[in-house]
Protein backbone atom coordinates (compact mmCIF):
# COMPACT_ATOMS: atom_id res chain seq x y z
CA MET A 1 -26.83 80.79 51.34
CA THR A 2 -29.90 78.96 52.56
CA PHE A 3 -29.91 75.43 53.91
CA GLU A 4 -32.90 73.14 53.98
CA ILE A 5 -33.28 69.66 55.49
CA VAL A 6 -35.32 67.39 53.21
CA PRO A 7 -36.75 63.97 54.18
CA ALA A 8 -35.17 61.29 51.97
CA ALA A 9 -38.61 59.83 51.23
CA GLU A 10 -39.37 63.03 49.26
CA VAL A 11 -36.29 62.70 47.01
CA PRO A 12 -36.60 60.32 44.02
CA LEU A 13 -34.23 57.33 44.19
CA ALA A 14 -32.69 58.28 40.84
CA GLU A 15 -31.73 61.68 42.30
CA GLN A 16 -30.40 60.00 45.47
CA ALA A 17 -28.24 57.69 43.34
CA ARG A 18 -26.95 60.63 41.28
CA LEU A 19 -25.97 62.49 44.46
CA ALA A 20 -24.26 59.41 45.95
CA ASN A 21 -22.28 58.93 42.73
CA GLU A 22 -21.25 62.58 42.76
CA ALA A 23 -20.34 62.53 46.46
CA PHE A 24 -18.24 59.35 46.25
CA ALA A 25 -16.56 60.00 42.87
CA GLY A 26 -12.81 59.61 43.35
CA TYR A 27 -13.28 58.06 46.81
CA VAL A 28 -10.01 56.52 47.98
CA GLY A 29 -11.69 53.18 48.71
CA GLY A 30 -13.22 53.03 45.24
CA TRP A 31 -16.81 53.43 44.13
CA ALA A 32 -19.16 51.59 41.78
CA GLU A 33 -21.70 53.82 40.03
CA MET A 34 -25.26 53.24 41.27
CA ASP A 35 -28.60 53.67 39.61
CA ALA A 36 -31.96 53.79 41.40
CA ASN A 37 -32.35 49.97 41.43
CA VAL A 38 -28.88 49.31 42.84
CA LEU A 39 -29.33 52.04 45.46
CA ALA A 40 -32.70 50.59 46.51
CA ARG A 41 -31.12 47.16 47.05
CA PHE A 42 -28.17 48.71 48.91
CA LEU A 43 -30.46 50.71 51.23
CA MET A 44 -32.63 47.65 51.87
CA LEU A 45 -29.59 45.53 52.82
CA GLN A 46 -28.42 48.29 55.19
CA GLY A 47 -31.85 48.48 56.83
CA THR A 48 -32.10 52.16 55.91
CA ASP A 49 -35.35 53.91 56.76
CA LEU A 50 -36.06 56.68 54.25
CA PHE A 51 -38.58 58.30 56.58
CA TYR A 52 -35.85 58.96 59.18
CA SER A 53 -33.08 59.72 56.64
CA ARG A 54 -32.41 63.27 55.49
CA PHE A 55 -30.87 65.23 52.62
CA VAL A 56 -29.37 68.71 52.73
CA ARG A 57 -30.31 71.25 50.10
CA ALA A 58 -28.21 74.40 49.71
CA ASP A 59 -29.27 77.08 47.25
CA ASP A 60 -31.85 74.79 45.61
CA ARG A 61 -29.33 71.97 45.04
CA LEU A 62 -28.97 68.72 46.99
CA VAL A 63 -25.46 68.65 48.48
CA GLY A 64 -25.47 65.89 51.09
CA PHE A 65 -27.31 63.10 52.84
CA GLY A 66 -27.47 61.07 56.00
CA TYR A 67 -29.14 57.66 55.81
CA ILE A 68 -30.57 56.36 59.09
CA ASN A 69 -30.96 52.68 59.94
CA HIS A 70 -33.98 52.01 62.16
CA THR A 71 -33.96 48.67 63.99
CA GLY A 72 -36.42 48.35 66.86
CA LYS A 73 -35.90 51.38 69.10
CA ILE A 74 -32.36 51.97 67.84
CA LEU A 75 -31.51 54.59 65.21
CA ARG A 76 -28.04 54.56 63.65
CA LEU A 77 -26.32 56.46 60.87
CA SER A 78 -25.89 53.92 58.06
CA GLY A 79 -24.33 56.22 55.47
CA MET A 80 -23.55 59.85 54.85
CA ALA A 81 -21.78 62.05 52.31
CA MET A 82 -21.44 65.58 51.02
CA VAL A 83 -20.63 66.52 47.44
CA PRO A 84 -17.03 67.78 47.35
CA GLU A 85 -17.95 71.22 45.98
CA SER A 86 -20.10 71.94 49.03
CA THR A 87 -17.21 71.39 51.45
CA ARG A 88 -14.47 73.23 49.55
CA ASP A 89 -15.96 76.72 49.73
CA ARG A 90 -14.84 78.13 53.08
CA GLY A 91 -17.36 80.94 52.85
CA ARG A 92 -20.19 78.43 52.82
CA ARG A 93 -18.81 76.59 55.83
CA ALA A 94 -18.40 79.68 57.99
CA PRO A 95 -22.06 79.80 59.20
CA PHE A 96 -21.96 76.05 59.94
CA ARG A 97 -18.70 76.38 61.89
CA ALA A 98 -20.11 79.34 63.81
CA SER A 99 -23.15 77.29 64.81
CA LEU A 100 -20.85 74.47 65.98
CA ARG A 101 -18.81 76.91 68.06
CA GLY A 102 -22.05 78.20 69.57
CA ARG A 103 -23.04 74.64 70.49
CA GLU A 104 -19.62 73.90 71.97
CA SER A 105 -19.74 77.01 74.16
CA ALA A 106 -23.30 76.16 75.28
CA GLN A 107 -22.13 72.63 76.11
CA GLN A 108 -19.17 74.03 78.06
CA ARG A 109 -21.51 76.32 80.04
CA ARG A 110 -23.70 73.30 80.92
CA ASN A 111 -20.66 71.30 81.98
CA ASP A 112 -19.30 74.20 84.05
CA ALA A 113 -22.69 74.52 85.76
CA GLY A 114 -22.73 70.83 86.68
CA GLY A 115 -25.43 69.92 84.13
CA ASP A 116 -27.10 66.51 83.97
CA ARG A 117 -24.24 64.83 82.15
CA ALA A 118 -21.51 62.38 83.07
CA GLU A 119 -18.29 61.19 81.48
CA SER A 120 -18.51 57.76 79.85
CA ALA A 121 -15.82 55.13 80.23
CA CYS A 122 -14.35 56.02 76.82
CA GLY A 123 -14.16 59.75 77.56
CA GLY A 124 -17.34 60.86 75.78
CA VAL A 125 -20.18 62.71 77.46
CA LEU A 126 -23.49 60.93 77.98
CA PRO A 127 -26.88 62.49 78.75
CA ALA A 128 -28.33 61.41 82.09
CA SER A 129 -31.06 59.45 80.28
CA GLN A 130 -28.43 57.07 78.85
CA ILE A 131 -26.40 56.45 82.00
CA GLN A 132 -28.69 53.73 83.37
CA ALA A 133 -28.65 51.86 80.03
CA THR A 134 -24.87 52.04 80.03
CA ASP A 135 -24.72 50.55 83.53
CA ALA A 136 -26.93 47.68 82.36
CA ALA A 137 -24.64 47.10 79.39
CA GLN A 138 -21.61 47.06 81.68
CA ARG A 139 -23.26 44.44 83.92
CA LEU A 140 -23.90 42.22 80.87
CA ALA A 141 -20.29 42.67 79.78
CA LEU A 142 -18.98 41.70 83.22
CA ARG A 143 -21.01 38.48 83.03
CA GLY A 144 -19.57 37.80 79.55
CA GLU A 145 -22.95 38.30 77.85
CA ARG A 146 -21.98 40.91 75.27
CA ASP A 147 -24.01 39.23 72.53
CA ARG A 148 -27.26 39.82 74.44
CA HIS A 149 -26.96 43.61 74.39
CA SER A 150 -28.30 45.14 71.18
CA ALA A 151 -25.74 47.95 71.13
CA TRP A 152 -22.86 45.54 70.53
CA VAL A 153 -22.18 44.13 67.11
CA ARG A 154 -21.10 40.51 66.98
CA THR A 155 -17.68 40.13 65.45
CA ALA A 156 -16.74 37.32 63.08
CA ARG A 157 -15.25 34.43 65.02
């Protein structure tokens, strides 16, 4: 099996809508069928950037996507899915799982060696480049200025 990462800007919107419909068919939260026009409006409302977003092609068939929202200097995942058939075949997932195990063991070796990483307040691991930004965010939070930091989403009051 061969995998290929394809920029979303190279995939026609009609094909993107077809894949989204296939991926979310039978979704527990419900799903409304989309065509290219509805998908375009949805992506625009989400702030999705098709030049940063990617699709996954396996054996010459699109099987998944990850839409990326690009706001200023911040990139966020705004939507993702895989078609059910691509996740049910354990044989197909074996190479992916093996690559994840390889990453986990490499991460563990870096952590054991001291690495340039630190534990975040919520238990996750942050790269050294993000630690200073986190400290700045914590200072804003202590002053009660959460709304000023772009990483926090304002909640409905």
